[in-house]
């Protein structure tokens, strides 16, 4: 009879150790996911900053093209 509580205590100890290991693995994966998300956010912000001048450049190009077209048609 005295052997059963010891066996149960050992089983509970192994279960807790397994649970702690699984929890540690989940926390590690969550940290990795957070780091990856931060890296992607940084890259996305850099891409957005690099893209901002493009609409202004397109508008400037179209204005120059319109001016050249008007100048050519006025010269004829």
PDB file of N, CA and C in Angstrom:
ATOM      1  N   UNK A   1       0.805  -1.180   0.000  1.00  0.00           N
ATOM      2  CA  UNK A   1       0.000   0.000   0.000  1.00  0.00           C
ATOM      3  C   UNK A   1       0.862   1.265   0.000  1.00  0.00           C
ATOM      4  N   UNK A   2       1.989   1.244   0.670  1.00  0.00           N
ATOM      5  CA  UNK A   2       2.852   2.422   0.751  1.00  0.00           C
ATOM      6  C   UNK A   2       3.534   2.700  -0.582  1.00  0.00           C
ATOM      7  N   UNK A   3       3.609   1.722  -1.454  1.00  0.00           N
ATOM      8  CA  UNK A   3       4.275   1.887  -2.739  1.00  0.00           C
ATOM      9  C   UNK A   3       3.426   2.707  -3.711  1.00  0.00           C
ATOM     10  N   UNK A   4       2.111   2.632  -3.618  1.00  0.00           N
ATOM     11  CA  UNK A   4       1.225   3.340  -4.539  1.00  0.00           C
ATOM     12  C   UNK A   4       1.360   4.861  -4.447  1.00  0.00           C
ATOM     13  N   UNK A   5       1.378   5.475  -3.257  1.00  0.00           N
ATOM     14  CA  UNK A   5       1.560   6.938  -3.216  1.00  0.00           C
ATOM     15  C   UNK A   5       2.904   7.372  -3.799  1.00  0.00           C
ATOM     16  N   UNK A   6       3.943   6.560  -3.595  1.00  0.00           N
ATOM     17  CA  UNK A   6       5.245   6.903  -4.172  1.00  0.00           C
ATOM     18  C   UNK A   6       5.195   6.824  -5.696  1.00  0.00           C
ATOM     19  N   UNK A   7       4.523   5.824  -6.221  1.00  0.00           N
ATOM     20  CA  UNK A   7       4.376   5.668  -7.669  1.00  0.00           C
ATOM     21  C   UNK A   7       3.556   6.829  -8.234  1.00  0.00           C
ATOM     22  N   UNK A   8       2.501   7.202  -7.529  1.00  0.00           N
ATOM     23  CA  UNK A   8       1.661   8.320  -7.952  1.00  0.00           C
ATOM     24  C   UNK A   8       2.450   9.633  -7.901  1.00  0.00           C
ATOM     25  N   UNK A   9       3.242   9.828  -6.850  1.00  0.00           N
ATOM     26  CA  UNK A   9       4.059  11.022  -6.730  1.00  0.00           C
ATOM     27  C   UNK A   9       5.064  11.108  -7.879  1.00  0.00           C
ATOM     28  N   UNK A  10       5.643   9.972  -8.232  1.00  0.00           N
ATOM     29  CA  UNK A  10       6.583   9.947  -9.356  1.00  0.00           C
ATOM     30  C   UNK A  10       5.897  10.270 -10.676  1.00  0.00           C
ATOM     31  N   UNK A  11       4.694   9.736 -10.869  1.00  0.00           N
ATOM     32  CA  UNK A  11       3.959  10.008 -12.102  1.00  0.00           C
ATOM     33  C   UNK A  11       3.579  11.485 -12.197  1.00  0.00           C
ATOM     34  N   UNK A  12       3.179  12.077 -11.073  1.00  0.00           N
ATOM     35  CA  UNK A  12       2.826  13.500 -11.061  1.00  0.00           C
ATOM     36  C   UNK A  12       4.061  14.345 -11.335  1.00  0.00           C
ATOM     37  N   UNK A  13       5.190  13.968 -10.752  1.00  0.00           N
ATOM     38  CA  UNK A  13       6.438  14.704 -10.983  1.00  0.00           C
ATOM     39  C   UNK A  13       6.845  14.671 -12.445  1.00  0.00           C
ATOM     40  N   UNK A  14       6.732  13.506 -13.076  1.00  0.00           N
ATOM     41  CA  UNK A  14       7.065  13.380 -14.499  1.00  0.00           C
ATOM     42  C   UNK A  14       6.090  14.215 -15.330  1.00  0.00           C
ATOM     43  N   UNK A  15       4.821  14.180 -14.950  1.00  0.00           N
ATOM     44  CA  UNK A  15       3.821  14.975 -15.675  1.00  0.00           C
ATOM     45  C   UNK A  15       4.110  16.464 -15.582  1.00  0.00           C
ATOM     46  N   UNK A  16       4.478  16.945 -14.390  1.00  0.00           N
ATOM     47  CA  UNK A  16       4.816  18.357 -14.235  1.00  0.00           C
ATOM     48  C   UNK A  16       6.056  18.723 -15.037  1.00  0.00           C
ATOM     49  N   UNK A  17       7.042  17.855 -15.038  1.00  0.00           N
ATOM     50  CA  UNK A  17       8.265  18.125 -15.800  1.00  0.00           C
ATOM     51  C   UNK A  17       7.955  18.203 -17.297  1.00  0.00           C
ATOM     52  N   UNK A  18       7.127  17.300 -17.767  1.00  0.00           N
ATOM     53  CA  UNK A  18       6.733  17.320 -19.182  1.00  0.00           C
ATOM     54  C   UNK A  18       5.966  18.592 -19.506  1.00  0.00           C
ATOM     55  N   UNK A  19       5.063  18.977 -18.618  1.00  0.00           N
ATOM     56  CA  UNK A  19       4.270  20.185 -18.831  1.00  0.00           C
ATOM     57  C   UNK A  19       5.171  21.420 -18.844  1.00  0.00           C
ATOM     58  N   UNK A  20       6.148  21.479 -17.912  1.00  0.00           N
ATOM     59  CA  UNK A  20       7.078  22.606 -17.884  1.00  0.00           C
ATOM     60  C   UNK A  20       7.905  22.668 -19.176  1.00  0.00           C
ATOM     61  N   UNK A  21       8.322  21.515 -19.658  1.00  0.00           N
ATOM     62  CA  UNK A  21       9.090  21.480 -20.909  1.00  0.00           C
ATOM     63  C   UNK A  21       8.259  21.947 -22.096  1.00  0.00           C
ATOM     64  N   UNK A  22       7.007  21.496 -22.149  1.00  0.00           N
ATOM     65  CA  UNK A  22       6.125  21.928 -23.228  1.00  0.00           C
ATOM     66  C   UNK A  22       5.861  23.425 -23.158  1.00  0.00           C
ATOM     67  N   UNK A  23       5.669  23.943 -21.964  1.00  0.00           N
ATOM     68  CA  UNK A  23       5.435  25.373 -21.782  1.00  0.00           C
ATOM     69  C   UNK A  23       6.661  26.186 -22.186  1.00  0.00           C
ATOM     70  N   UNK A  24       7.840  25.710 -21.827  1.00  0.00           N
ATOM     71  CA  UNK A  24       9.067  26.401 -22.219  1.00  0.00           C
ATOM     72  C   UNK A  24       9.211  26.432 -23.735  1.00  0.00           C
ATOM     73  N   UNK A  25       8.866  25.333 -24.404  1.00  0.00           N
ATOM     74  CA  UNK A  25       8.931  25.280 -25.862  1.00  0.00           C
ATOM     75  C   UNK A  25       7.938  26.256 -26.481  1.00  0.00           C
ATOM     76  N   UNK A  26       6.737  26.313 -25.945  1.00  0.00           N
ATOM     77  CA  UNK A  26       5.739  27.246 -26.458  1.00  0.00           C
ATOM     78  C   UNK A  26       6.168  28.696 -26.271  1.00  0.00           C
ATOM     79  N   UNK A  27       6.769  29.004 -25.131  1.00  0.00           N
ATOM     80  CA  UNK A  27       7.258  30.366 -24.895  1.00  0.00           C
ATOM     81  C   UNK A  27       8.388  30.722 -25.845  1.00  0.00           C
ATOM     82  N   UNK A  28       9.255  29.764 -26.121  1.00  0.00           N
ATOM     83  CA  UNK A  28      10.346  30.004 -27.066  1.00  0.00           C
ATOM     84  C   UNK A  28       9.791  30.274 -28.461  1.00  0.00           C
ATOM     85  N   UNK A  29       8.819  29.494 -28.885  1.00  0.00           N
ATOM     86  CA  UNK A  29       8.217  29.707 -30.200  1.00  0.00           C
ATOM     87  C   UNK A  29       7.491  31.043 -30.262  1.00  0.00           C
ATOM     88  N   UNK A  30       6.834  31.443 -29.191  1.00  0.00           N
ATOM     89  CA  UNK A  30       6.155  32.740 -29.157  1.00  0.00           C
ATOM     90  C   UNK A  30       7.166  33.877 -29.268  1.00  0.00           C
ATOM     91  N   UNK A  31       8.304  33.744 -28.591  1.00  0.00           N
ATOM     92  CA  UNK A  31       9.359  34.755 -28.691  1.00  0.00           C
ATOM     93  C   UNK A  31       9.900  34.839 -30.110  1.00  0.00           C
ATOM     94  N   UNK A  32      10.096  33.690 -30.754  1.00  0.00           N
ATOM     95  CA  UNK A  32      10.570  33.685 -32.134  1.00  0.00           C
ATOM     96  C   UNK A  32       9.547  34.338 -33.062  1.00  0.00           C
ATOM     97  N   UNK A  33       8.283  34.057 -32.835  1.00  0.00           N
ATOM     98  CA  UNK A  33       7.231  34.668 -33.656  1.00  0.00           C
ATOM     99  C   UNK A  33       7.205  36.178 -33.452  1.00  0.00           C
ATOM    100  N   UNK A  34       7.403  36.633 -32.219  1.00  0.00           N
ATOM    101  CA  UNK A  34       7.447  38.072 -31.947  1.00  0.00           C
ATOM    102  C   UNK A  34       8.626  38.727 -32.649  1.00  0.00           C
ATOM    103  N   UNK A  35       9.792  38.077 -32.605  1.00  0.00           N
ATOM    104  CA  UNK A  35      10.964  38.630 -33.291  1.00  0.00           C
ATOM    105  C   UNK A  35      10.737  38.689 -34.795  1.00  0.00           C
ATOM    106  N   UNK A  36      10.157  37.640 -35.354  1.00  0.00           N
ATOM    107  CA  UNK A  36       9.887  37.624 -36.791  1.00  0.00           C
ATOM    108  C   UNK A  36       8.896  38.722 -37.162  1.00  0.00           C
ATOM    109  N   UNK A  37       7.878  38.906 -36.355  1.00  0.00           N
ATOM    110  CA  UNK A  37       6.894  39.952 -36.606  1.00  0.00           C
ATOM    111  C   UNK A  37       7.540  41.332 -36.544  1.00  0.00           C
ATOM    112  N   UNK A  38       8.420  41.550 -35.577  1.00  0.00           N
ATOM    113  CA  UNK A  38       9.122  42.829 -35.479  1.00  0.00           C
ATOM    114  C   UNK A  38      10.005  43.071 -36.700  1.00  0.00           C
ATOM    115  N   UNK A  39      10.698  42.024 -37.162  1.00  0.00           N
ATOM    116  CA  UNK A  39      11.542  42.158 -38.355  1.00  0.00           C
ATOM    117  C   UNK A  39      10.704  42.493 -39.583  1.00  0.00           C
ATOM    118  N   UNK A  40       9.566  41.834 -39.735  1.00  0.00           N
ATOM    119  CA  UNK A  40       8.697  42.108 -40.877  1.00  0.00           C
ATOM    120  C   UNK A  40       8.135  43.535 -40.811  1.00  0.00           C
ATOM    121  N   UNK A  41       7.797  43.981 -39.624  1.00  0.00           N
ATOM    122  CA  UNK A  41       7.288  45.337 -39.458  1.00  0.00           C
ATOM    123  C   UNK A  41       8.349  46.359 -39.855  1.00  0.00           C
ATOM    124  N   UNK A  42       9.595  46.115 -39.462  1.00  0.00           N
ATOM    125  CA  UNK A  42      10.695  47.014 -39.818  1.00  0.00           C
ATOM    126  C   UNK A  42      10.896  47.045 -41.332  1.00  0.00           C
ATOM    127  N   UNK A  43      10.872  45.882 -41.951  1.00  0.00           N
ATOM    128  CA  UNK A  43      11.046  45.818 -43.411  1.00  0.00           C
ATOM    129  C   UNK A  43       9.895  46.500 -44.144  1.00  0.00           C
ATOM    130  N   UNK A  44       8.688  46.319 -43.653  1.00  0.00           N
ATOM    131  CA  UNK A  44       7.521  46.938 -44.281  1.00  0.00           C
ATOM    132  C   UNK A  44       7.595  48.456 -44.175  1.00  0.00           C
ATOM    133  N   UNK A  45       8.004  48.976 -43.026  1.00  0.00           N
ATOM    134  CA  UNK A  45       8.148  50.423 -42.867  1.00  0.00           C
ATOM    135  C   UNK A  45       9.211  50.970 -43.817  1.00  0.00           C
ATOM    136  N   UNK A  46      10.299  50.239 -43.998  1.00  0.00           N
ATOM    137  CA  UNK A  46      11.346  50.681 -44.924  1.00  0.00           C
ATOM    138  C   UNK A  46      10.829  50.710 -46.357  1.00  0.00           C
ATOM    139  N   UNK A  47      10.053  49.709 -46.736  1.00  0.00           N
ATOM    140  CA  UNK A  47       9.474  49.687 -48.076  1.00  0.00           C
ATOM    141  C   UNK A  47       8.479  50.827 -48.274  1.00  0.00           C
ATOM    142  N   UNK A  48       7.699  51.122 -47.267  1.00  0.00           N
ATOM    143  CA  UNK A  48       6.741  52.221 -47.380  1.00  0.00           C
ATOM    144  C   UNK A  48       7.459  53.558 -47.504  1.00  0.00           C
ATOM    145  N   UNK A  49       8.541  53.754 -46.765  1.00  0.00           N
ATOM    146  CA  UNK A  49       9.298  55.001 -46.871  1.00  0.00           C
ATOM    147  C   UNK A  49       9.914  55.146 -48.263  1.00  0.00           C
ATOM    148  N   UNK A  50      10.379  54.047 -48.823  1.00  0.00           N
ATOM    149  CA  UNK A  50      11.005  54.093 -50.142  1.00  0.00           C
ATOM    150  C   UNK A  50       9.970  54.318 -51.244  1.00  0.00           C
ATOM    151  N   UNK A  51       8.734  53.969 -51.006  1.00  0.00           N
ATOM    152  CA  UNK A  51       7.699  54.062 -52.027  1.00  0.00           C
ATOM    153  C   UNK A  51       7.081  55.447 -52.085  1.00  0.00           C
ATOM    154  N   UNK A  52       7.175  56.233 -51.042  1.00  0.00           N
ATOM    155  CA  UNK A  52       6.491  57.527 -50.972  1.00  0.00           C
ATOM    156  C   UNK A  52       6.856  58.479 -52.100  1.00  0.00           C
ATOM    157  N   UNK A  53       8.084  58.588 -52.555  1.00  0.00           N
ATOM    158  CA  UNK A  53       8.381  59.557 -53.623  1.00  0.00           C
ATOM    159  C   UNK A  53       7.830  59.158 -54.986  1.00  0.00           C
ATOM    160  N   UNK A  54       7.445  57.918 -55.174  1.00  0.00           N
ATOM    161  CA  UNK A  54       7.010  57.477 -56.502  1.00  0.00           C
ATOM    162  C   UNK A  54       5.786  58.217 -57.023  1.00  0.00           C
ATOM    163  N   UNK A  55       4.718  58.430 -56.265  1.00  0.00           N
ATOM    164  CA  UNK A  55       3.583  59.187 -56.814  1.00  0.00           C
ATOM    165  C   UNK A  55       3.969  60.622 -57.171  1.00  0.00           C
ATOM    166  N   UNK A  56       4.809  61.255 -56.386  1.00  0.00           N
ATOM    167  CA  UNK A  56       5.250  62.614 -56.698  1.00  0.00           C
ATOM    168  C   UNK A  56       6.085  62.625 -57.975  1.00  0.00           C
ATOM    169  N   UNK A  57       6.933  61.639 -58.112  1.00  0.00           N
ATOM    170  CA  UNK A  57       7.757  61.538 -59.315  1.00  0.00           C
ATOM    171  C   UNK A  57       6.895  61.295 -60.549  1.00  0.00           C
ATOM    172  N   UNK A  58       5.868  60.477 -60.422  1.00  0.00           N
ATOM    173  CA  UNK A  58       4.956  60.222 -61.540  1.00  0.00           C
ATOM    174  C   UNK A  58       4.196  61.490 -61.920  1.00  0.00           C
ATOM    175  N   UNK A  59       3.748  62.265 -60.955  1.00  0.00           N
ATOM    176  CA  UNK A  59       3.045  63.516 -61.240  1.00  0.00           C
ATOM    177  C   UNK A  59       3.973  64.515 -61.925  1.00  0.00           C
ATOM    178  N   UNK A  60       5.200  64.612 -61.463  1.00  0.00           N
ATOM    179  CA  UNK A  60       6.174  65.514 -62.069  1.00  0.00           C
ATOM    180  C   UNK A  60       6.458  65.115 -63.510  1.00  0.00           C
ATOM    181  N   UNK A  61       6.622  63.830 -63.749  1.00  0.00           N
ATOM    182  CA  UNK A  61       6.889  63.334 -65.098  1.00  0.00           C
ATOM    183  C   UNK A  61       5.731  63.645 -66.037  1.00  0.00           C
ATOM    184  N   UNK A  62       4.519  63.451 -65.552  1.00  0.00           N
ATOM    185  CA  UNK A  62       3.363  63.732 -66.416  1.00  0.00           C
ATOM    186  C   UNK A  62       3.244  65.227 -66.692  1.00  0.00           C
ATOM    187  N   UNK A  63       3.564  66.079 -65.728  1.00  0.00           N
ATOM    188  CA  UNK A  63       3.532  67.528 -65.965  1.00  0.00           C
ATOM    189  C   UNK A  63       4.582  67.938 -66.990  1.00  0.00           C
ATOM    190  N   UNK A  64       5.768  67.366 -66.901  1.00  0.00           N
ATOM    191  CA  UNK A  64       6.821  67.662 -67.868  1.00  0.00           C
ATOM    192  C   UNK A  64       6.407  67.183 -69.251  1.00  0.00           C
ATOM    193  N   UNK A  65       5.805  66.008 -69.337  1.00  0.00           N
ATOM    194  CA  UNK A  65       5.349  65.491 -70.627  1.00  0.00           C
ATOM    195  C   UNK A  65       4.267  66.394 -71.218  1.00  0.00           C
ATOM    196  N   UNK A  66       3.364  66.890 -70.397  1.00  0.00           N
ATOM    197  CA  UNK A  66       2.324  67.806 -70.863  1.00  0.00           C
ATOM    198  C   UNK A  66       2.933  69.111 -71.351  1.00  0.00           C
ATOM    199  N   UNK A  67       3.913  69.629 -70.621  1.00  0.00           N
ATOM    200  CA  UNK A  67       4.569  70.870 -71.021  1.00  0.00           C
ATOM    201  C   UNK A  67       5.300  70.695 -72.351  1.00  0.00           C
ATOM    202  N   UNK A  68       5.991  69.587 -72.534  1.00  0.00           N
ATOM    203  CA  UNK A  68       6.704  69.323 -73.790  1.00  0.00           C
ATOM    204  C   UNK A  68       5.712  69.190 -74.933  1.00  0.00           C
ATOM    205  N   UNK A  69       4.604  68.525 -74.685  1.00  0.00           N
ATOM    206  CA  UNK A  69       3.583  68.364 -75.725  1.00  0.00           C
ATOM    207  C   UNK A  69       2.988  69.713 -76.119  1.00  0.00           C
ATOM    208  N   UNK A  70       2.673  70.561 -75.142  1.00  0.00           N
ATOM    209  CA  UNK A  70       2.132  71.882 -75.437  1.00  0.00           C
ATOM    210  C   UNK A  70       3.155  72.742 -76.179  1.00  0.00           C
ATOM    211  N   UNK A  71       4.417  72.650 -75.770  1.00  0.00           N
ATOM    212  CA  UNK A  71       5.468  73.414 -76.429  1.00  0.00           C
ATOM    213  C   UNK A  71       5.640  72.993 -77.886  1.00  0.00           C
ATOM    214  N   UNK A  72       5.581  71.666 -78.140  1.00  0.00           N
ATOM    215  CA  UNK A  72       5.718  71.169 -79.507  1.00  0.00           C
ATOM    216  C   UNK A  72       4.534  71.584 -80.367  1.00  0.00           C
ATOM    217  N   UNK A  73       3.315  71.524 -79.794  1.00  0.00           N
ATOM    218  CA  UNK A  73       2.145  71.870 -80.602  1.00  0.00           C
ATOM    219  C   UNK A  73       2.061  73.385 -80.825  1.00  0.00           C
ATOM    220  N   UNK A  74       2.585  74.179 -79.928  1.00  0.00           N
ATOM    221  CA  UNK A  74       2.582  75.624 -80.115  1.00  0.00           C
ATOM    222  C   UNK A  74       3.625  76.017 -81.162  1.00  0.00           C
ATOM    223  N   UNK A  75       4.660  75.240 -81.300  1.00  0.00           N
ATOM    224  CA  UNK A  75       5.729  75.547 -82.261  1.00  0.00           C
ATOM    225  C   UNK A  75       5.319  75.241 -83.685  1.00  0.00           C
ATOM    226  N   UNK A  76       4.309  74.494 -83.929  1.00  0.00           N
ATOM    227  CA  UNK A  76       3.903  74.136 -85.309  1.00  0.00           C
ATOM    228  C   UNK A  76       2.999  75.109 -85.868  1.00  0.00           C
TER     229      UNK A  76
END
